[in-house]
Amino acid sequence: MKIRVEITREPLVARGVTGPENGAGAVVEFAGVVRGEEDGHVIAGLDYEAYEPMARSEMERLAGELSAVYPCYSMEVMHRIGHVPAGAASILVRVEAKHRAEAFGMLAEFMNRLKREVPIWKKVAT
C-alpha cells in the first residue's frame, strides 16, 4: 500500500475525488473540521502541537498495520499544526481501495487510533 503523510502549518485543501489510476472502486475522503464551539462555549479555533518526526512515523506505522486488516491501495494523510481557526480543516485523509468496506474500515480505525496513539495535542484558542 502506498502511504503518504504530511504535517504542515499551511491551510489544508482537499484534492477532490479524482479518477484513481490503480483500479480502485472506492475513494473515501475525510476532513476533520474545527467546530466553533467547545463545551458550549464559542472558540476561535484550536492550537495543535506535535512531535513531528514521531507523529509522522506513528501515522505511517498505523496505516501499515491497518493495511493488513483493510487491504487498500493508498492512504494520504495531511495534518495541520499551529493555530487552526474554527471552520478550517485540521486533518484530511484520502483512502483508495478496491471496495468501500475496506476504505471505510481503514479510515474509521485509523482515526480512532490516531487520537489515542499519535503525539499530536490540541488546546482551545479563545
N, C-alpha and C. Protein backbone atom coordinates (compact mmCIF):
# COMPACT_ATOMS: atom_id res chain seq x y z
N MET A 1 0.84 -1.17 0.00
CA MET A 1 0.00 0.00 0.00
C MET A 1 0.89 1.24 0.00
N LYS A 2 0.51 2.20 -0.79
CA LYS A 2 1.23 3.47 -0.86
C LYS A 2 0.72 4.36 0.29
N ILE A 3 1.65 4.89 1.09
CA ILE A 3 1.29 5.73 2.23
C ILE A 3 2.01 7.07 2.10
N ARG A 4 1.27 8.15 2.27
CA ARG A 4 1.85 9.50 2.24
C ARG A 4 1.33 10.26 3.43
N VAL A 5 2.24 10.79 4.26
CA VAL A 5 1.87 11.55 5.45
C VAL A 5 2.55 12.91 5.38
N GLU A 6 1.78 13.95 5.66
CA GLU A 6 2.32 15.31 5.66
C GLU A 6 1.82 16.03 6.91
N ILE A 7 2.72 16.73 7.57
CA ILE A 7 2.37 17.60 8.69
C ILE A 7 2.75 19.01 8.26
N THR A 8 1.81 19.93 8.37
CA THR A 8 2.04 21.27 7.83
C THR A 8 1.40 22.35 8.70
N ARG A 9 1.89 23.55 8.56
CA ARG A 9 1.27 24.71 9.20
C ARG A 9 0.36 25.47 8.23
N GLU A 10 0.35 25.04 7.00
CA GLU A 10 -0.45 25.70 5.96
C GLU A 10 -1.90 25.20 5.98
N PRO A 11 -2.84 26.02 5.51
CA PRO A 11 -4.23 25.56 5.40
C PRO A 11 -4.32 24.32 4.51
N LEU A 12 -5.22 23.42 4.86
CA LEU A 12 -5.39 22.18 4.11
C LEU A 12 -6.46 22.36 3.05
N VAL A 13 -6.20 21.81 1.88
CA VAL A 13 -7.15 21.88 0.78
C VAL A 13 -7.35 20.47 0.24
N ALA A 14 -8.60 20.03 0.22
CA ALA A 14 -8.91 18.70 -0.30
C ALA A 14 -8.71 18.69 -1.80
N ARG A 15 -8.20 17.56 -2.30
CA ARG A 15 -7.98 17.41 -3.74
C ARG A 15 -9.29 17.21 -4.48
N GLY A 16 -10.26 16.64 -3.82
CA GLY A 16 -11.48 16.25 -4.50
C GLY A 16 -11.27 14.88 -5.12
N VAL A 17 -12.34 14.18 -5.36
CA VAL A 17 -12.23 12.83 -5.90
C VAL A 17 -11.79 12.90 -7.35
N THR A 18 -10.67 12.28 -7.61
CA THR A 18 -10.16 12.18 -8.97
C THR A 18 -10.15 10.71 -9.34
N GLY A 19 -10.14 10.43 -10.59
CA GLY A 19 -10.11 9.05 -11.03
C GLY A 19 -8.81 8.37 -10.64
N PRO A 20 -8.87 7.36 -9.77
CA PRO A 20 -7.65 6.67 -9.37
C PRO A 20 -7.06 5.89 -10.54
N GLU A 21 -5.75 5.81 -10.56
CA GLU A 21 -5.06 5.10 -11.64
C GLU A 21 -4.77 3.65 -11.27
N ASN A 22 -5.19 3.22 -10.09
CA ASN A 22 -4.83 1.89 -9.61
C ASN A 22 -5.99 0.90 -9.64
N GLY A 23 -7.10 1.24 -10.26
CA GLY A 23 -8.23 0.32 -10.33
C GLY A 23 -9.13 0.37 -9.12
N ALA A 24 -8.95 1.37 -8.25
CA ALA A 24 -9.77 1.47 -7.05
C ALA A 24 -11.23 1.71 -7.43
N GLY A 25 -12.11 1.02 -6.73
CA GLY A 25 -13.54 1.23 -6.91
C GLY A 25 -14.10 2.12 -5.82
N ALA A 26 -13.28 2.44 -4.82
CA ALA A 26 -13.71 3.28 -3.71
C ALA A 26 -12.64 4.31 -3.40
N VAL A 27 -13.04 5.56 -3.34
CA VAL A 27 -12.17 6.65 -2.91
C VAL A 27 -12.92 7.36 -1.80
N VAL A 28 -12.38 7.30 -0.58
CA VAL A 28 -13.02 7.90 0.58
C VAL A 28 -12.15 9.05 1.05
N GLU A 29 -12.77 10.23 1.21
CA GLU A 29 -12.05 11.39 1.71
C GLU A 29 -12.75 11.91 2.96
N PHE A 30 -11.95 12.24 3.96
CA PHE A 30 -12.47 12.73 5.24
C PHE A 30 -11.76 14.01 5.60
N ALA A 31 -12.54 15.00 6.03
CA ALA A 31 -11.97 16.24 6.54
C ALA A 31 -12.45 16.42 7.97
N GLY A 32 -11.51 16.54 8.91
CA GLY A 32 -11.84 16.86 10.29
C GLY A 32 -11.79 18.37 10.44
N VAL A 33 -12.93 18.98 10.68
CA VAL A 33 -13.06 20.44 10.70
C VAL A 33 -13.23 20.93 12.13
N VAL A 34 -12.54 21.99 12.49
CA VAL A 34 -12.63 22.56 13.84
C VAL A 34 -14.00 23.22 14.00
N ARG A 35 -14.71 22.77 15.02
CA ARG A 35 -16.02 23.35 15.33
C ARG A 35 -15.83 24.70 16.02
N GLY A 36 -16.82 25.55 15.93
CA GLY A 36 -16.75 26.88 16.52
C GLY A 36 -17.16 26.94 17.97
N GLU A 37 -17.40 25.77 18.57
CA GLU A 37 -17.75 25.74 19.99
C GLU A 37 -17.14 24.52 20.65
N GLU A 38 -16.85 24.66 21.92
CA GLU A 38 -16.29 23.57 22.73
C GLU A 38 -16.94 23.65 24.09
N ASP A 39 -17.58 22.58 24.51
CA ASP A 39 -18.27 22.53 25.81
C ASP A 39 -19.25 23.69 25.97
N GLY A 40 -19.96 24.03 24.89
CA GLY A 40 -20.95 25.08 24.95
C GLY A 40 -20.42 26.49 24.88
N HIS A 41 -19.12 26.66 24.68
CA HIS A 41 -18.51 27.98 24.59
C HIS A 41 -17.99 28.23 23.17
N VAL A 42 -18.18 29.44 22.69
CA VAL A 42 -17.65 29.81 21.38
C VAL A 42 -16.13 29.87 21.47
N ILE A 43 -15.46 29.31 20.47
CA ILE A 43 -14.00 29.35 20.44
C ILE A 43 -13.53 29.92 19.10
N ALA A 44 -12.31 30.42 19.09
CA ALA A 44 -11.70 30.96 17.86
C ALA A 44 -11.12 29.85 17.01
N GLY A 45 -10.75 28.75 17.64
CA GLY A 45 -10.13 27.64 16.94
C GLY A 45 -9.41 26.74 17.91
N LEU A 46 -8.50 25.94 17.38
CA LEU A 46 -7.68 25.05 18.18
C LEU A 46 -6.21 25.26 17.83
N ASP A 47 -5.35 25.14 18.82
CA ASP A 47 -3.91 25.19 18.61
C ASP A 47 -3.37 23.77 18.73
N TYR A 48 -2.74 23.29 17.67
CA TYR A 48 -2.18 21.94 17.62
C TYR A 48 -0.67 21.98 17.75
N GLU A 49 -0.14 21.06 18.54
CA GLU A 49 1.30 20.85 18.65
C GLU A 49 1.58 19.38 18.37
N ALA A 50 2.76 19.10 17.86
CA ALA A 50 3.14 17.72 17.59
C ALA A 50 4.64 17.57 17.73
N TYR A 51 5.04 16.38 18.13
CA TYR A 51 6.42 15.98 17.99
C TYR A 51 6.49 15.39 16.58
N GLU A 52 6.84 16.24 15.61
CA GLU A 52 6.64 15.92 14.20
C GLU A 52 7.28 14.63 13.71
N PRO A 53 8.56 14.36 13.99
CA PRO A 53 9.14 13.11 13.46
C PRO A 53 8.39 11.88 13.97
N MET A 54 8.06 11.88 15.25
CA MET A 54 7.37 10.73 15.81
C MET A 54 5.92 10.67 15.32
N ALA A 55 5.25 11.80 15.23
CA ALA A 55 3.87 11.82 14.76
C ALA A 55 3.79 11.26 13.34
N ARG A 56 4.71 11.69 12.50
CA ARG A 56 4.73 11.21 11.11
C ARG A 56 4.98 9.70 11.07
N SER A 57 5.98 9.24 11.80
CA SER A 57 6.30 7.80 11.75
C SER A 57 5.18 6.97 12.38
N GLU A 58 4.52 7.50 13.40
CA GLU A 58 3.40 6.76 14.01
C GLU A 58 2.21 6.67 13.05
N MET A 59 1.92 7.73 12.32
CA MET A 59 0.83 7.66 11.35
C MET A 59 1.16 6.67 10.23
N GLU A 60 2.41 6.66 9.79
CA GLU A 60 2.83 5.69 8.77
C GLU A 60 2.73 4.26 9.31
N ARG A 61 3.16 4.07 10.56
CA ARG A 61 3.08 2.74 11.18
C ARG A 61 1.62 2.28 11.26
N LEU A 62 0.74 3.16 11.74
CA LEU A 62 -0.67 2.81 11.86
C LEU A 62 -1.25 2.40 10.51
N ALA A 63 -1.00 3.20 9.49
CA ALA A 63 -1.53 2.88 8.16
C ALA A 63 -1.00 1.53 7.68
N GLY A 64 0.28 1.28 7.90
CA GLY A 64 0.85 -0.01 7.51
C GLY A 64 0.23 -1.18 8.25
N GLU A 65 0.06 -1.04 9.56
CA GLU A 65 -0.57 -2.11 10.35
C GLU A 65 -2.00 -2.37 9.89
N LEU A 66 -2.74 -1.30 9.70
CA LEU A 66 -4.14 -1.44 9.33
C LEU A 66 -4.33 -1.99 7.92
N SER A 67 -3.33 -1.82 7.06
CA SER A 67 -3.46 -2.35 5.70
C SER A 67 -3.51 -3.87 5.68
N ALA A 68 -3.03 -4.52 6.74
CA ALA A 68 -3.13 -5.98 6.83
C ALA A 68 -4.57 -6.41 7.08
N VAL A 69 -5.33 -5.55 7.75
CA VAL A 69 -6.74 -5.86 8.06
C VAL A 69 -7.66 -5.30 6.98
N TYR A 70 -7.34 -4.12 6.48
CA TYR A 70 -8.13 -3.44 5.46
C TYR A 70 -7.25 -3.21 4.25
N PRO A 71 -7.16 -4.18 3.35
CA PRO A 71 -6.26 -4.02 2.20
C PRO A 71 -6.73 -2.88 1.29
N CYS A 72 -5.92 -1.85 1.21
CA CYS A 72 -6.21 -0.67 0.39
C CYS A 72 -5.03 -0.42 -0.53
N TYR A 73 -5.27 0.37 -1.56
CA TYR A 73 -4.20 0.72 -2.49
C TYR A 73 -3.34 1.86 -1.97
N SER A 74 -3.99 2.87 -1.38
CA SER A 74 -3.21 4.01 -0.91
C SER A 74 -3.95 4.74 0.20
N MET A 75 -3.15 5.50 0.98
CA MET A 75 -3.68 6.37 2.02
C MET A 75 -2.83 7.62 2.06
N GLU A 76 -3.49 8.77 2.04
CA GLU A 76 -2.82 10.05 2.18
C GLU A 76 -3.38 10.74 3.40
N VAL A 77 -2.48 11.26 4.25
CA VAL A 77 -2.89 11.95 5.47
C VAL A 77 -2.18 13.30 5.50
N MET A 78 -2.95 14.35 5.72
CA MET A 78 -2.38 15.69 5.92
C MET A 78 -2.94 16.20 7.24
N HIS A 79 -2.05 16.50 8.18
CA HIS A 79 -2.47 17.02 9.49
C HIS A 79 -1.85 18.38 9.69
N ARG A 80 -2.67 19.31 10.09
CA ARG A 80 -2.21 20.68 10.30
C ARG A 80 -1.80 20.87 11.75
N ILE A 81 -0.76 21.65 11.98
CA ILE A 81 -0.36 22.04 13.33
C ILE A 81 -0.34 23.56 13.40
N GLY A 82 -0.17 24.09 14.62
CA GLY A 82 -0.26 25.53 14.81
C GLY A 82 -1.72 25.89 15.04
N HIS A 83 -2.05 27.16 14.82
CA HIS A 83 -3.43 27.61 15.03
C HIS A 83 -4.29 27.22 13.83
N VAL A 84 -5.40 26.55 14.14
CA VAL A 84 -6.38 26.19 13.11
C VAL A 84 -7.69 26.87 13.50
N PRO A 85 -8.13 27.85 12.73
CA PRO A 85 -9.35 28.58 13.09
C PRO A 85 -10.61 27.73 12.94
N ALA A 86 -11.63 28.09 13.68
CA ALA A 86 -12.92 27.42 13.56
C ALA A 86 -13.36 27.45 12.11
N GLY A 87 -13.88 26.33 11.64
CA GLY A 87 -14.33 26.22 10.26
C GLY A 87 -13.30 25.69 9.31
N ALA A 88 -12.04 25.59 9.74
CA ALA A 88 -10.96 25.09 8.88
C ALA A 88 -10.67 23.63 9.21
N ALA A 89 -10.12 22.92 8.25
CA ALA A 89 -9.77 21.51 8.44
C ALA A 89 -8.45 21.38 9.20
N SER A 90 -8.43 20.49 10.17
CA SER A 90 -7.19 20.18 10.88
C SER A 90 -6.56 18.90 10.35
N ILE A 91 -7.38 18.05 9.70
CA ILE A 91 -6.86 16.81 9.11
C ILE A 91 -7.66 16.47 7.87
N LEU A 92 -6.95 15.99 6.86
CA LEU A 92 -7.56 15.44 5.65
C LEU A 92 -6.98 14.06 5.44
N VAL A 93 -7.86 13.10 5.15
CA VAL A 93 -7.42 11.72 4.88
C VAL A 93 -8.10 11.25 3.61
N ARG A 94 -7.33 10.62 2.74
CA ARG A 94 -7.87 10.05 1.49
C ARG A 94 -7.43 8.59 1.43
N VAL A 95 -8.39 7.69 1.22
CA VAL A 95 -8.11 6.26 1.12
C VAL A 95 -8.66 5.75 -0.20
N GLU A 96 -7.84 4.98 -0.93
CA GLU A 96 -8.27 4.34 -2.16
C GLU A 96 -8.20 2.82 -1.96
N ALA A 97 -9.27 2.14 -2.31
CA ALA A 97 -9.33 0.69 -2.16
C ALA A 97 -10.18 0.09 -3.27
N LYS A 98 -10.12 -1.22 -3.38
CA LYS A 98 -10.91 -1.90 -4.38
C LYS A 98 -12.40 -1.77 -4.07
N HIS A 99 -12.74 -1.89 -2.77
CA HIS A 99 -14.14 -1.85 -2.34
C HIS A 99 -14.32 -0.86 -1.20
N ARG A 100 -15.54 -0.37 -1.02
CA ARG A 100 -15.83 0.64 0.01
C ARG A 100 -15.65 0.11 1.42
N ALA A 101 -15.93 -1.16 1.67
CA ALA A 101 -15.81 -1.70 3.03
C ALA A 101 -14.39 -1.54 3.57
N GLU A 102 -13.40 -1.85 2.74
CA GLU A 102 -12.01 -1.70 3.16
C GLU A 102 -11.66 -0.23 3.37
N ALA A 103 -12.11 0.63 2.47
CA ALA A 103 -11.78 2.05 2.57
C ALA A 103 -12.39 2.68 3.82
N PHE A 104 -13.68 2.42 4.06
CA PHE A 104 -14.33 2.97 5.25
C PHE A 104 -13.74 2.38 6.53
N GLY A 105 -13.46 1.08 6.52
CA GLY A 105 -12.87 0.44 7.70
C GLY A 105 -11.51 1.01 8.02
N MET A 106 -10.68 1.18 7.00
CA MET A 106 -9.34 1.75 7.18
C MET A 106 -9.45 3.15 7.76
N LEU A 107 -10.30 3.98 7.19
CA LEU A 107 -10.44 5.36 7.64
C LEU A 107 -10.93 5.43 9.08
N ALA A 108 -11.97 4.68 9.40
CA ALA A 108 -12.54 4.74 10.76
C ALA A 108 -11.53 4.27 11.81
N GLU A 109 -10.88 3.15 11.56
CA GLU A 109 -9.92 2.63 12.54
C GLU A 109 -8.69 3.51 12.64
N PHE A 110 -8.24 4.05 11.52
CA PHE A 110 -7.09 4.96 11.54
C PHE A 110 -7.39 6.18 12.41
N MET A 111 -8.54 6.81 12.23
CA MET A 111 -8.88 8.00 13.01
C MET A 111 -9.01 7.67 14.49
N ASN A 112 -9.62 6.54 14.83
CA ASN A 112 -9.75 6.14 16.24
C ASN A 112 -8.39 5.96 16.88
N ARG A 113 -7.50 5.27 16.20
CA ARG A 113 -6.17 5.01 16.76
C ARG A 113 -5.28 6.24 16.75
N LEU A 114 -5.41 7.10 15.74
CA LEU A 114 -4.63 8.33 15.67
C LEU A 114 -4.86 9.14 16.94
N LYS A 115 -6.10 9.30 17.34
CA LYS A 115 -6.41 10.11 18.52
C LYS A 115 -5.80 9.52 19.79
N ARG A 116 -5.66 8.20 19.86
CA ARG A 116 -5.10 7.54 21.04
C ARG A 116 -3.58 7.43 21.01
N GLU A 117 -2.98 7.26 19.84
CA GLU A 117 -1.59 6.82 19.76
C GLU A 117 -0.59 7.82 19.19
N VAL A 118 -1.05 8.81 18.48
CA VAL A 118 -0.11 9.72 17.79
C VAL A 118 0.12 10.97 18.64
N PRO A 119 1.39 11.38 18.81
CA PRO A 119 1.71 12.52 19.66
C PRO A 119 1.39 13.87 19.00
N ILE A 120 0.09 14.13 18.94
CA ILE A 120 -0.42 15.42 18.47
C ILE A 120 -1.40 15.89 19.55
N TRP A 121 -1.18 17.12 20.03
CA TRP A 121 -2.01 17.64 21.12
C TRP A 121 -2.71 18.90 20.66
N LYS A 122 -3.88 19.13 21.23
CA LYS A 122 -4.61 20.36 20.89
C LYS A 122 -5.08 21.04 22.15
N LYS A 123 -5.21 22.38 22.05
CA LYS A 123 -5.80 23.14 23.13
C LYS A 123 -6.69 24.21 22.50
N VAL A 124 -7.70 24.59 23.24
CA VAL A 124 -8.68 25.55 22.76
C VAL A 124 -8.07 26.94 22.69
N ALA A 125 -8.34 27.63 21.60
CA ALA A 125 -7.93 29.02 21.42
C ALA A 125 -9.19 29.89 21.48
N THR A 126 -9.27 30.75 22.47
CA THR A 126 -10.47 31.58 22.63
C THR A 126 -10.31 32.94 22.04
